[in-house]
């Protein structure tokens, strides 16, 4: 595969799924950055031993805005740098933000910004999208590079446990392999911003019968 991607991974299930799918598709990864205060030896060994890479670097921190990470990232020359950090973590380091960082968001941007928007998308549209966009210091406001639509999961209860992470990783692979982007035009009339879905909202989505029985 062409050298065009570096990855920044945290000690999360999502990061593992990203890496495993990149590995499965035999992508060359220019730089693998793993940051975590908890030293996950098993995952680190997998990253170190991956033969189809340029370099690997481990940082003993849970802060993506660390000066140590900054010094390493600003030297990266990859076309894209995937950012897979910890939940609710925001990039504020200006030097890191100057790089072409991308993030995979489980919602159709700019309509569905914020956390757990997959539930609101299901309520309003009965559709699921992933948007890949350039990371900025504002939540989900960067330039949209790619969008992909997915079918509803067979087991709705699995949405957050595994389905969310899988569709993000699959979208990344489609994006990196695509010759043409599949961008849905921005519509400035969208001003919605969604935060964490309320437990009642999640229950209605996972068990629609609850709504009918109430």
N, C-alpha and C. Protein backbone atom coordinates (compact mmCIF):
# COMPACT_ATOMS: atom_id res chain seq x y z
N UNK A 1 0.83 -1.20 0.00
CA UNK A 1 0.00 0.00 0.00
C UNK A 1 0.87 1.26 0.00
N UNK A 2 0.33 2.34 -0.55
CA UNK A 2 1.05 3.60 -0.63
C UNK A 2 1.30 4.16 0.77
N UNK A 3 2.47 4.80 0.94
CA UNK A 3 2.78 5.44 2.21
C UNK A 3 2.02 6.75 2.31
N UNK A 4 0.95 6.77 3.05
CA UNK A 4 0.21 8.03 3.16
C UNK A 4 -0.51 8.20 4.49
N UNK A 5 -0.25 7.31 5.46
CA UNK A 5 -1.00 7.36 6.70
C UNK A 5 -0.10 7.11 7.91
N UNK A 6 -0.25 7.95 8.92
CA UNK A 6 0.32 7.70 10.24
C UNK A 6 -0.85 7.63 11.21
N UNK A 7 -0.65 6.99 12.35
CA UNK A 7 -1.76 6.82 13.29
C UNK A 7 -1.35 7.16 14.71
N UNK A 8 -2.25 7.83 15.42
CA UNK A 8 -2.06 8.14 16.83
C UNK A 8 -3.12 7.36 17.59
N UNK A 9 -2.69 6.43 18.41
CA UNK A 9 -3.61 5.52 19.09
C UNK A 9 -3.54 5.67 20.60
N UNK A 10 -4.69 5.56 21.25
CA UNK A 10 -4.77 5.51 22.70
C UNK A 10 -5.03 4.07 23.13
N UNK A 11 -5.03 3.84 24.42
CA UNK A 11 -5.25 2.49 24.95
C UNK A 11 -6.75 2.21 25.03
N UNK A 12 -7.38 2.05 23.85
CA UNK A 12 -8.82 1.86 23.77
C UNK A 12 -9.15 0.74 22.80
N UNK A 13 -10.35 0.21 22.93
CA UNK A 13 -10.80 -0.82 22.00
C UNK A 13 -10.89 -0.28 20.58
N UNK A 14 -11.30 0.98 20.45
CA UNK A 14 -11.42 1.59 19.13
C UNK A 14 -10.07 1.63 18.41
N UNK A 15 -9.02 2.02 19.14
CA UNK A 15 -7.70 2.07 18.54
C UNK A 15 -7.24 0.70 18.07
N UNK A 16 -7.57 -0.31 18.85
CA UNK A 16 -7.19 -1.68 18.47
C UNK A 16 -7.91 -2.11 17.20
N UNK A 17 -9.18 -1.73 17.08
CA UNK A 17 -9.94 -2.09 15.88
C UNK A 17 -9.39 -1.37 14.65
N UNK A 18 -9.03 -0.09 14.81
CA UNK A 18 -8.40 0.64 13.71
C UNK A 18 -7.14 -0.09 13.24
N UNK A 19 -6.28 -0.39 14.19
CA UNK A 19 -5.00 -1.02 13.84
C UNK A 19 -5.21 -2.39 13.19
N UNK A 20 -6.09 -3.18 13.76
CA UNK A 20 -6.32 -4.53 13.23
C UNK A 20 -6.85 -4.49 11.79
N UNK A 21 -7.70 -3.52 11.48
CA UNK A 21 -8.24 -3.44 10.13
C UNK A 21 -7.20 -2.89 9.14
N UNK A 22 -6.37 -1.97 9.59
CA UNK A 22 -5.27 -1.50 8.74
C UNK A 22 -4.29 -2.64 8.46
N UNK A 23 -4.04 -3.42 9.50
CA UNK A 23 -3.15 -4.57 9.36
C UNK A 23 -3.74 -5.61 8.42
N UNK A 24 -5.02 -5.89 8.57
CA UNK A 24 -5.70 -6.86 7.72
C UNK A 24 -5.64 -6.47 6.26
N UNK A 25 -5.70 -5.16 6.00
CA UNK A 25 -5.67 -4.66 4.63
C UNK A 25 -4.25 -4.34 4.16
N UNK A 26 -3.27 -4.72 4.98
CA UNK A 26 -1.86 -4.63 4.60
C UNK A 26 -1.42 -3.21 4.27
N UNK A 27 -1.91 -2.23 5.02
CA UNK A 27 -1.51 -0.85 4.81
C UNK A 27 -0.11 -0.62 5.37
N UNK A 28 0.69 0.14 4.64
CA UNK A 28 1.94 0.62 5.20
C UNK A 28 1.63 1.82 6.08
N UNK A 29 2.08 1.79 7.33
CA UNK A 29 1.84 2.87 8.27
C UNK A 29 3.16 3.58 8.53
N UNK A 30 3.23 4.83 8.13
CA UNK A 30 4.49 5.57 8.27
C UNK A 30 4.95 5.64 9.72
N UNK A 31 4.05 6.08 10.59
CA UNK A 31 4.38 6.24 12.01
C UNK A 31 3.23 5.73 12.87
N UNK A 32 3.55 4.94 13.86
CA UNK A 32 2.56 4.50 14.85
C UNK A 32 2.92 5.14 16.18
N UNK A 33 2.01 5.96 16.69
CA UNK A 33 2.19 6.60 17.99
C UNK A 33 1.17 6.02 18.95
N UNK A 34 1.64 5.51 20.08
CA UNK A 34 0.74 4.95 21.09
C UNK A 34 1.00 5.69 22.40
N UNK A 35 -0.05 6.27 22.99
CA UNK A 35 0.13 6.99 24.25
C UNK A 35 -0.84 6.46 25.29
N UNK A 36 -0.29 6.20 26.48
CA UNK A 36 -1.09 5.63 27.56
C UNK A 36 -0.28 5.60 28.85
N UNK A 37 -0.93 5.93 29.96
CA UNK A 37 -0.27 5.78 31.26
C UNK A 37 -0.25 4.32 31.70
N UNK A 38 -1.20 3.56 31.17
CA UNK A 38 -1.24 2.13 31.44
C UNK A 38 -0.49 1.41 30.33
N UNK A 39 0.58 0.77 30.66
CA UNK A 39 1.41 0.14 29.63
C UNK A 39 0.80 -1.20 29.22
N UNK A 40 0.08 -1.19 28.12
CA UNK A 40 -0.56 -2.38 27.59
C UNK A 40 0.47 -3.16 26.76
N UNK A 41 1.20 -4.04 27.43
CA UNK A 41 2.32 -4.74 26.79
C UNK A 41 1.90 -5.55 25.58
N UNK A 42 0.74 -6.21 25.66
CA UNK A 42 0.29 -7.05 24.54
C UNK A 42 0.05 -6.22 23.29
N UNK A 43 -0.64 -5.08 23.46
CA UNK A 43 -0.92 -4.22 22.32
C UNK A 43 0.36 -3.57 21.79
N UNK A 44 1.22 -3.15 22.71
CA UNK A 44 2.49 -2.53 22.31
C UNK A 44 3.32 -3.50 21.48
N UNK A 45 3.35 -4.76 21.89
CA UNK A 45 4.11 -5.76 21.13
C UNK A 45 3.55 -5.95 19.72
N UNK A 46 2.22 -5.92 19.60
CA UNK A 46 1.59 -6.03 18.28
C UNK A 46 2.00 -4.86 17.38
N UNK A 47 2.01 -3.68 17.96
CA UNK A 47 2.37 -2.48 17.21
C UNK A 47 3.85 -2.51 16.82
N UNK A 48 4.68 -2.91 17.75
CA UNK A 48 6.13 -2.96 17.50
C UNK A 48 6.48 -3.96 16.40
N UNK A 49 5.80 -5.11 16.45
CA UNK A 49 6.15 -6.21 15.55
C UNK A 49 5.50 -6.09 14.17
N UNK A 50 4.60 -5.11 14.00
CA UNK A 50 3.97 -4.96 12.69
C UNK A 50 5.05 -4.62 11.66
N UNK A 51 5.27 -5.51 10.69
CA UNK A 51 6.40 -5.32 9.76
C UNK A 51 6.20 -4.20 8.75
N UNK A 52 4.96 -3.86 8.47
CA UNK A 52 4.67 -2.92 7.39
C UNK A 52 4.53 -1.49 7.93
N UNK A 53 5.58 -1.02 8.60
CA UNK A 53 5.54 0.31 9.21
C UNK A 53 6.90 0.99 9.08
N UNK A 54 6.88 2.32 9.30
CA UNK A 54 8.12 3.07 9.32
C UNK A 54 8.72 3.10 10.71
N UNK A 55 7.96 3.63 11.68
CA UNK A 55 8.47 3.72 13.05
C UNK A 55 7.35 3.55 14.06
N UNK A 56 7.75 3.25 15.30
CA UNK A 56 6.81 3.12 16.41
C UNK A 56 7.33 3.94 17.58
N UNK A 57 6.41 4.66 18.26
CA UNK A 57 6.81 5.45 19.42
C UNK A 57 5.76 5.35 20.51
N UNK A 58 6.21 5.05 21.73
CA UNK A 58 5.31 4.96 22.88
C UNK A 58 5.55 6.15 23.81
N UNK A 59 4.43 6.77 24.27
CA UNK A 59 4.51 7.88 25.22
C UNK A 59 3.71 7.51 26.47
N UNK A 60 4.35 7.64 27.62
CA UNK A 60 3.73 7.28 28.90
C UNK A 60 2.90 8.44 29.43
N UNK A 61 1.78 8.71 28.75
CA UNK A 61 0.88 9.80 29.13
C UNK A 61 -0.50 9.54 28.54
N UNK A 62 -1.51 10.12 29.16
CA UNK A 62 -2.87 10.05 28.61
C UNK A 62 -3.28 11.39 28.01
N UNK A 63 -2.33 12.29 27.84
CA UNK A 63 -2.60 13.64 27.36
C UNK A 63 -2.05 13.82 25.94
N UNK A 64 -2.93 13.90 24.96
CA UNK A 64 -2.51 14.05 23.57
C UNK A 64 -1.81 15.38 23.34
N UNK A 65 -2.06 16.37 24.20
CA UNK A 65 -1.45 17.69 24.03
C UNK A 65 -0.08 17.80 24.71
N UNK A 66 0.47 16.67 25.10
CA UNK A 66 1.79 16.65 25.73
C UNK A 66 2.85 17.23 24.80
N UNK A 67 3.79 17.98 25.37
CA UNK A 67 4.88 18.57 24.59
C UNK A 67 5.77 17.50 23.96
N UNK A 68 5.87 16.36 24.64
CA UNK A 68 6.69 15.27 24.10
C UNK A 68 6.07 14.71 22.82
N UNK A 69 4.75 14.55 22.84
CA UNK A 69 4.05 14.07 21.65
C UNK A 69 4.11 15.11 20.54
N UNK A 70 3.98 16.38 20.93
CA UNK A 70 4.03 17.46 19.95
C UNK A 70 5.32 17.42 19.13
N UNK A 71 6.45 17.28 19.80
CA UNK A 71 7.74 17.28 19.13
C UNK A 71 7.84 16.15 18.10
N UNK A 72 7.19 15.04 18.40
CA UNK A 72 7.25 13.90 17.49
C UNK A 72 6.30 14.09 16.31
N UNK A 73 5.09 14.56 16.59
CA UNK A 73 4.07 14.69 15.55
C UNK A 73 4.44 15.74 14.50
N UNK A 74 5.03 16.85 14.93
CA UNK A 74 5.30 17.93 13.98
C UNK A 74 6.34 17.51 12.93
N UNK A 75 7.05 16.43 13.16
CA UNK A 75 8.03 15.94 12.19
C UNK A 75 7.42 15.00 11.16
N UNK A 76 6.19 14.54 11.41
CA UNK A 76 5.54 13.59 10.52
C UNK A 76 5.15 14.26 9.20
N UNK A 77 5.40 13.57 8.10
CA UNK A 77 5.12 14.12 6.78
C UNK A 77 4.07 13.34 6.02
N UNK A 78 3.35 12.47 6.69
CA UNK A 78 2.31 11.67 6.04
C UNK A 78 1.19 12.57 5.52
N UNK A 79 0.51 12.10 4.50
CA UNK A 79 -0.61 12.85 3.94
C UNK A 79 -1.74 12.97 4.96
N UNK A 80 -1.98 11.88 5.70
CA UNK A 80 -3.02 11.87 6.73
C UNK A 80 -2.46 11.32 8.02
N UNK A 81 -2.95 11.86 9.14
CA UNK A 81 -2.61 11.35 10.46
C UNK A 81 -3.91 11.06 11.18
N UNK A 82 -4.21 9.80 11.38
CA UNK A 82 -5.44 9.42 12.08
C UNK A 82 -5.28 9.68 13.57
N UNK A 83 -6.27 10.35 14.16
CA UNK A 83 -6.27 10.58 15.60
C UNK A 83 -7.37 9.73 16.24
N UNK A 84 -6.94 8.77 17.06
CA UNK A 84 -7.87 7.92 17.80
C UNK A 84 -7.52 8.03 19.28
N UNK A 85 -8.07 9.05 19.94
CA UNK A 85 -7.72 9.31 21.32
C UNK A 85 -8.74 8.76 22.31
N UNK A 86 -8.70 9.32 23.50
CA UNK A 86 -9.62 8.90 24.55
C UNK A 86 -10.93 9.69 24.43
N UNK A 87 -12.00 9.13 24.98
CA UNK A 87 -13.31 9.77 24.91
C UNK A 87 -13.27 11.18 25.50
N UNK A 88 -13.88 12.11 24.79
CA UNK A 88 -14.01 13.52 25.22
C UNK A 88 -12.68 14.26 25.24
N UNK A 89 -11.62 13.67 24.68
CA UNK A 89 -10.32 14.35 24.65
C UNK A 89 -10.26 15.31 23.47
N UNK A 90 -9.82 16.55 23.72
CA UNK A 90 -9.75 17.56 22.68
C UNK A 90 -8.31 17.96 22.41
N UNK A 91 -8.00 18.16 21.15
CA UNK A 91 -6.69 18.65 20.76
C UNK A 91 -6.68 20.17 20.86
N UNK A 92 -5.76 20.71 21.64
CA UNK A 92 -5.66 22.16 21.78
C UNK A 92 -4.26 22.66 21.40
N UNK A 93 -3.32 21.74 21.24
CA UNK A 93 -1.96 22.12 20.88
C UNK A 93 -1.94 22.65 19.44
N UNK A 94 -1.59 23.92 19.28
CA UNK A 94 -1.66 24.57 17.97
C UNK A 94 -0.72 23.94 16.95
N UNK A 95 0.44 23.51 17.39
CA UNK A 95 1.40 22.90 16.46
C UNK A 95 0.92 21.56 15.95
N UNK A 96 0.26 20.79 16.82
CA UNK A 96 -0.29 19.51 16.40
C UNK A 96 -1.46 19.73 15.44
N UNK A 97 -2.28 20.74 15.74
CA UNK A 97 -3.45 21.03 14.90
C UNK A 97 -3.07 21.52 13.50
N UNK A 98 -1.84 21.97 13.33
CA UNK A 98 -1.38 22.41 12.01
C UNK A 98 -1.19 21.22 11.07
N UNK A 99 -1.02 20.03 11.63
CA UNK A 99 -0.85 18.84 10.81
C UNK A 99 -2.20 18.39 10.28
N UNK A 100 -2.17 17.55 9.27
CA UNK A 100 -3.42 17.10 8.63
C UNK A 100 -4.00 15.91 9.39
N UNK A 101 -4.50 16.20 10.60
CA UNK A 101 -5.11 15.14 11.41
C UNK A 101 -6.53 14.89 10.97
N UNK A 102 -6.92 13.62 10.96
CA UNK A 102 -8.28 13.25 10.61
C UNK A 102 -8.91 12.44 11.73
N UNK A 103 -10.22 12.53 11.81
CA UNK A 103 -10.97 11.80 12.83
C UNK A 103 -12.22 11.23 12.18
N UNK A 104 -12.63 10.06 12.63
CA UNK A 104 -13.83 9.40 12.10
C UNK A 104 -14.96 9.58 13.11
N UNK A 105 -16.03 10.23 12.68
CA UNK A 105 -17.14 10.59 13.56
C UNK A 105 -18.40 9.83 13.15
N UNK A 106 -19.07 9.14 14.09
CA UNK A 106 -20.24 8.33 13.76
C UNK A 106 -21.51 9.15 13.62
N UNK A 107 -21.49 10.07 12.67
CA UNK A 107 -22.66 10.91 12.42
C UNK A 107 -22.45 11.69 11.13
N UNK A 108 -23.53 12.12 10.54
CA UNK A 108 -23.47 12.90 9.30
C UNK A 108 -23.19 14.36 9.66
N UNK A 109 -21.97 14.80 9.33
CA UNK A 109 -21.61 16.19 9.62
C UNK A 109 -21.99 17.09 8.45
N UNK A 110 -22.38 18.33 8.71
CA UNK A 110 -22.36 19.02 10.01
C UNK A 110 -23.65 18.88 10.82
N UNK A 111 -24.60 18.09 10.33
CA UNK A 111 -25.90 17.99 11.00
C UNK A 111 -25.79 17.40 12.39
N UNK A 112 -25.01 16.33 12.54
CA UNK A 112 -24.94 15.63 13.82
C UNK A 112 -23.55 15.77 14.43
N UNK A 113 -23.39 16.79 15.24
CA UNK A 113 -22.14 17.02 15.95
C UNK A 113 -22.32 16.63 17.41
N UNK A 114 -21.21 16.26 18.05
CA UNK A 114 -21.28 15.94 19.46
C UNK A 114 -21.14 14.45 19.73
N UNK A 115 -21.54 14.05 20.91
CA UNK A 115 -21.33 12.67 21.36
C UNK A 115 -22.58 11.81 21.20
N UNK A 116 -22.36 10.53 20.93
CA UNK A 116 -23.42 9.51 20.77
C UNK A 116 -24.54 9.98 19.84
N UNK A 117 -24.18 10.70 18.79
CA UNK A 117 -25.20 11.22 17.86
C UNK A 117 -25.81 10.12 17.02
N UNK A 118 -25.23 8.95 17.05
CA UNK A 118 -25.76 7.84 16.27
C UNK A 118 -27.21 7.56 16.66
N UNK A 119 -27.56 7.79 17.93
CA UNK A 119 -28.93 7.56 18.40
C UNK A 119 -29.90 8.58 17.79
N UNK A 120 -29.47 9.84 17.75
CA UNK A 120 -30.33 10.88 17.18
C UNK A 120 -30.51 10.68 15.68
N UNK A 121 -29.46 10.22 15.03
CA UNK A 121 -29.54 9.95 13.59
C UNK A 121 -30.55 8.83 13.32
N UNK A 122 -30.56 7.83 14.19
CA UNK A 122 -31.52 6.73 14.03
C UNK A 122 -32.95 7.20 14.28
N UNK A 123 -33.14 8.09 15.25
CA UNK A 123 -34.47 8.59 15.55
C UNK A 123 -35.01 9.44 14.40
N UNK A 124 -34.19 10.36 13.90
CA UNK A 124 -34.65 11.34 12.92
C UNK A 124 -34.59 10.84 11.48
N UNK A 125 -33.60 9.98 11.17
CA UNK A 125 -33.38 9.60 9.78
C UNK A 125 -33.48 8.09 9.52
N UNK A 126 -33.39 7.30 10.59
CA UNK A 126 -33.29 5.84 10.46
C UNK A 126 -32.11 5.46 9.58
N UNK A 127 -31.06 6.26 9.66
CA UNK A 127 -29.84 6.03 8.88
C UNK A 127 -28.63 6.23 9.77
N UNK A 128 -27.53 5.58 9.38
CA UNK A 128 -26.28 5.70 10.11
C UNK A 128 -25.18 6.12 9.15
N UNK A 129 -24.43 7.13 9.53
CA UNK A 129 -23.32 7.61 8.70
C UNK A 129 -22.06 7.72 9.54
N UNK A 130 -20.93 7.67 8.85
CA UNK A 130 -19.65 8.04 9.45
C UNK A 130 -19.06 9.15 8.58
N UNK A 131 -18.58 10.20 9.22
CA UNK A 131 -17.94 11.31 8.52
C UNK A 131 -16.48 11.37 8.93
N UNK A 132 -15.60 11.51 7.96
CA UNK A 132 -14.18 11.69 8.23
C UNK A 132 -13.86 13.15 7.96
N UNK A 133 -13.24 13.81 8.93
CA UNK A 133 -13.02 15.25 8.80
C UNK A 133 -11.67 15.64 9.38
N UNK A 134 -11.21 16.84 9.00
CA UNK A 134 -9.97 17.39 9.55
C UNK A 134 -10.21 17.90 10.97
N UNK A 135 -9.36 17.51 11.88
CA UNK A 135 -9.51 17.90 13.28
C UNK A 135 -9.13 19.37 13.47
N UNK A 136 -9.99 20.09 14.21
CA UNK A 136 -9.70 21.47 14.62
C UNK A 136 -9.85 21.54 16.14
N UNK A 137 -9.73 22.75 16.68
CA UNK A 137 -9.92 22.89 18.13
C UNK A 137 -11.38 23.06 18.51
N UNK A 138 -12.29 23.00 17.52
CA UNK A 138 -13.72 23.00 17.79
C UNK A 138 -14.30 21.61 17.55
N UNK A 139 -15.28 21.24 18.32
CA UNK A 139 -15.82 19.88 18.26
C UNK A 139 -16.53 19.62 16.94
N UNK A 140 -15.99 18.67 16.18
CA UNK A 140 -16.61 18.18 14.94
C UNK A 140 -16.90 19.29 13.92
N UNK A 141 -16.02 20.27 13.83
CA UNK A 141 -16.28 21.39 12.92
C UNK A 141 -15.30 21.47 11.75
N UNK A 142 -14.38 20.53 11.62
CA UNK A 142 -13.40 20.59 10.55
C UNK A 142 -13.99 20.25 9.19
N UNK A 143 -13.17 20.42 8.16
CA UNK A 143 -13.59 20.14 6.80
C UNK A 143 -13.93 18.65 6.63
N UNK A 144 -15.11 18.38 6.10
CA UNK A 144 -15.54 16.99 5.88
C UNK A 144 -14.86 16.46 4.61
N UNK A 145 -14.13 15.36 4.75
CA UNK A 145 -13.40 14.77 3.64
C UNK A 145 -14.12 13.60 3.00
N UNK A 146 -14.93 12.91 3.79
CA UNK A 146 -15.51 11.65 3.30
C UNK A 146 -16.69 11.27 4.16
N UNK A 147 -17.73 10.73 3.56
CA UNK A 147 -18.85 10.19 4.33
C UNK A 147 -19.23 8.82 3.79
N UNK A 148 -19.69 7.97 4.66
CA UNK A 148 -20.14 6.64 4.25
C UNK A 148 -21.37 6.26 5.05
N UNK A 149 -22.35 5.70 4.35
CA UNK A 149 -23.59 5.27 5.00
C UNK A 149 -23.52 3.78 5.30
N UNK A 150 -24.08 3.38 6.44
CA UNK A 150 -24.10 1.99 6.85
C UNK A 150 -25.53 1.52 7.13
N UNK A 151 -25.74 0.24 6.93
CA UNK A 151 -27.02 -0.36 7.26
C UNK A 151 -27.17 -0.45 8.78
N UNK A 152 -28.41 -0.52 9.23
CA UNK A 152 -28.64 -0.66 10.66
C UNK A 152 -28.10 -2.00 11.14
N UNK A 153 -27.52 -2.03 12.33
CA UNK A 153 -26.98 -3.29 12.86
C UNK A 153 -28.09 -4.30 13.14
N UNK A 154 -27.78 -5.58 12.98
CA UNK A 154 -28.77 -6.62 13.24
C UNK A 154 -29.13 -6.66 14.71
N UNK A 155 -28.13 -6.42 15.57
CA UNK A 155 -28.38 -6.40 17.00
C UNK A 155 -28.21 -4.96 17.49
N UNK A 156 -29.31 -4.27 17.67
CA UNK A 156 -29.26 -2.86 18.04
C UNK A 156 -28.56 -2.63 19.38
N UNK A 157 -28.57 -3.63 20.24
CA UNK A 157 -27.97 -3.48 21.55
C UNK A 157 -26.46 -3.34 21.48
N UNK A 158 -25.89 -3.68 20.32
CA UNK A 158 -24.43 -3.68 20.15
C UNK A 158 -23.89 -2.35 19.63
N UNK A 159 -24.72 -1.35 19.53
CA UNK A 159 -24.34 -0.09 18.88
C UNK A 159 -23.07 0.52 19.47
N UNK A 160 -23.03 0.71 20.77
CA UNK A 160 -21.87 1.37 21.37
C UNK A 160 -20.73 0.42 21.70
N UNK A 161 -21.04 -0.83 21.97
CA UNK A 161 -20.01 -1.77 22.40
C UNK A 161 -19.01 -2.11 21.29
N UNK A 162 -19.50 -2.27 20.08
CA UNK A 162 -18.60 -2.72 19.02
C UNK A 162 -18.94 -2.11 17.66
N UNK A 163 -20.22 -1.97 17.37
CA UNK A 163 -20.65 -1.51 16.05
C UNK A 163 -20.07 -0.13 15.71
N UNK A 164 -20.14 0.79 16.64
CA UNK A 164 -19.62 2.15 16.45
C UNK A 164 -18.15 2.11 16.01
N UNK A 165 -17.33 1.38 16.76
CA UNK A 165 -15.90 1.31 16.45
C UNK A 165 -15.64 0.64 15.10
N UNK A 166 -16.42 -0.38 14.78
CA UNK A 166 -16.23 -1.11 13.53
C UNK A 166 -16.53 -0.22 12.32
N UNK A 167 -17.61 0.54 12.37
CA UNK A 167 -17.96 1.36 11.20
C UNK A 167 -16.99 2.52 11.04
N UNK A 168 -16.43 3.01 12.12
CA UNK A 168 -15.40 4.05 12.01
C UNK A 168 -14.18 3.49 11.27
N UNK A 169 -13.73 2.30 11.70
CA UNK A 169 -12.55 1.70 11.10
C UNK A 169 -12.79 1.34 9.63
N UNK A 170 -13.96 0.81 9.33
CA UNK A 170 -14.28 0.46 7.95
C UNK A 170 -14.32 1.71 7.06
N UNK A 171 -14.84 2.79 7.60
CA UNK A 171 -14.89 4.05 6.84
C UNK A 171 -13.49 4.54 6.53
N UNK A 172 -12.58 4.41 7.49
CA UNK A 172 -11.20 4.82 7.26
C UNK A 172 -10.59 4.04 6.10
N UNK A 173 -10.82 2.74 6.07
CA UNK A 173 -10.27 1.91 5.00
C UNK A 173 -10.86 2.31 3.65
N UNK A 174 -12.16 2.51 3.60
CA UNK A 174 -12.80 2.95 2.36
C UNK A 174 -12.23 4.29 1.90
N UNK A 175 -12.02 5.19 2.84
CA UNK A 175 -11.49 6.51 2.52
C UNK A 175 -10.08 6.42 1.94
N UNK A 176 -9.23 5.63 2.57
CA UNK A 176 -7.85 5.51 2.12
C UNK A 176 -7.73 4.81 0.78
N UNK A 177 -8.68 3.93 0.49
CA UNK A 177 -8.65 3.20 -0.78
C UNK A 177 -9.36 3.93 -1.91
N UNK A 178 -10.22 4.87 -1.56
CA UNK A 178 -11.05 5.50 -2.58
C UNK A 178 -10.25 6.44 -3.47
N UNK A 179 -10.63 6.49 -4.74
CA UNK A 179 -10.02 7.41 -5.69
C UNK A 179 -10.79 8.73 -5.71
N UNK A 180 -12.07 8.62 -5.37
CA UNK A 180 -12.91 9.80 -5.31
C UNK A 180 -13.55 9.86 -3.93
N UNK A 181 -13.63 11.07 -3.39
CA UNK A 181 -14.29 11.22 -2.11
C UNK A 181 -15.79 11.20 -2.28
N UNK A 182 -16.49 10.83 -1.23
CA UNK A 182 -17.95 10.78 -1.25
C UNK A 182 -18.47 11.77 -0.22
N UNK A 183 -18.31 13.03 -0.54
CA UNK A 183 -18.66 14.08 0.41
C UNK A 183 -20.11 14.52 0.21
N UNK A 184 -20.83 14.60 1.29
CA UNK A 184 -22.17 15.15 1.25
C UNK A 184 -22.05 16.63 1.55
N UNK A 185 -22.56 17.47 0.67
CA UNK A 185 -22.38 18.91 0.78
C UNK A 185 -22.85 19.44 2.12
N UNK A 186 -22.08 20.38 2.64
CA UNK A 186 -22.47 21.02 3.89
C UNK A 186 -23.69 21.89 3.69
N UNK A 187 -24.53 21.91 4.68
CA UNK A 187 -25.71 22.76 4.63
C UNK A 187 -25.69 23.63 5.88
N UNK A 188 -25.47 24.92 5.72
CA UNK A 188 -25.30 25.80 6.86
C UNK A 188 -26.56 25.97 7.71
N UNK A 189 -27.68 25.46 7.24
CA UNK A 189 -28.90 25.59 8.03
C UNK A 189 -28.86 24.67 9.25
N UNK A 190 -27.96 23.67 9.21
CA UNK A 190 -27.86 22.76 10.33
C UNK A 190 -27.16 23.44 11.50
N UNK A 191 -27.83 23.55 12.60
CA UNK A 191 -27.21 24.15 13.78
C UNK A 191 -27.32 23.21 14.97
N UNK A 192 -27.75 21.99 14.73
CA UNK A 192 -27.92 21.04 15.82
C UNK A 192 -26.57 20.67 16.43
N UNK A 193 -26.57 20.53 17.73
CA UNK A 193 -25.39 20.02 18.43
C UNK A 193 -25.88 19.08 19.51
N UNK A 194 -25.48 17.84 19.44
CA UNK A 194 -25.98 16.83 20.35
C UNK A 194 -24.89 16.42 21.35
N UNK A 195 -25.29 16.30 22.58
CA UNK A 195 -24.38 15.82 23.60
C UNK A 195 -24.67 14.34 23.84
N UNK A 196 -24.27 13.83 24.98
CA UNK A 196 -24.47 12.41 25.26
C UNK A 196 -25.96 12.09 25.32
N UNK A 197 -26.34 11.06 24.59
CA UNK A 197 -27.76 10.69 24.53
C UNK A 197 -28.27 10.25 25.90
N UNK A 198 -29.44 10.75 26.26
CA UNK A 198 -30.06 10.41 27.53
C UNK A 198 -30.39 8.91 27.55
N UNK A 199 -30.29 8.25 28.73
CA UNK A 199 -30.61 6.82 28.82
C UNK A 199 -31.97 6.46 28.27
N UNK A 200 -32.96 7.36 28.40
CA UNK A 200 -34.29 7.08 27.87
C UNK A 200 -34.25 7.02 26.34
N UNK A 201 -33.49 7.94 25.73
CA UNK A 201 -33.35 7.95 24.28
C UNK A 201 -32.71 6.65 23.81
N UNK A 202 -31.69 6.22 24.51
CA UNK A 202 -31.02 4.97 24.14
C UNK A 202 -31.97 3.77 24.28
N UNK A 203 -32.75 3.78 25.34
CA UNK A 203 -33.68 2.67 25.57
C UNK A 203 -34.72 2.57 24.47
N UNK A 204 -35.20 3.72 24.01
CA UNK A 204 -36.21 3.74 22.94
C UNK A 204 -35.62 3.17 21.65
N UNK A 205 -34.38 3.54 21.36
CA UNK A 205 -33.73 3.05 20.15
C UNK A 205 -33.46 1.55 20.24
N UNK A 206 -32.96 1.11 21.38
CA UNK A 206 -32.61 -0.30 21.54
C UNK A 206 -33.83 -1.19 21.70
N UNK A 207 -34.89 -0.63 22.28
CA UNK A 207 -36.12 -1.39 22.47
C UNK A 207 -37.33 -0.53 22.10
N UNK A 208 -37.62 -0.37 20.80
CA UNK A 208 -38.73 0.48 20.35
C UNK A 208 -40.08 0.13 20.97
N UNK A 209 -40.23 -1.10 21.40
CA UNK A 209 -41.50 -1.54 22.00
C UNK A 209 -41.80 -0.75 23.27
N UNK A 210 -40.75 -0.26 23.92
CA UNK A 210 -40.96 0.51 25.16
C UNK A 210 -41.78 1.76 24.88
N UNK A 211 -41.52 2.36 23.72
CA UNK A 211 -42.25 3.57 23.36
C UNK A 211 -43.72 3.25 23.07
N UNK A 212 -43.96 2.14 22.41
CA UNK A 212 -45.31 1.77 22.06
C UNK A 212 -46.13 1.36 23.27
N UNK A 213 -45.43 0.80 24.27
CA UNK A 213 -46.12 0.30 25.45
C UNK A 213 -46.38 1.37 26.48
N UNK A 214 -45.71 2.51 26.33
CA UNK A 214 -45.83 3.56 27.36
C UNK A 214 -47.15 4.33 27.20
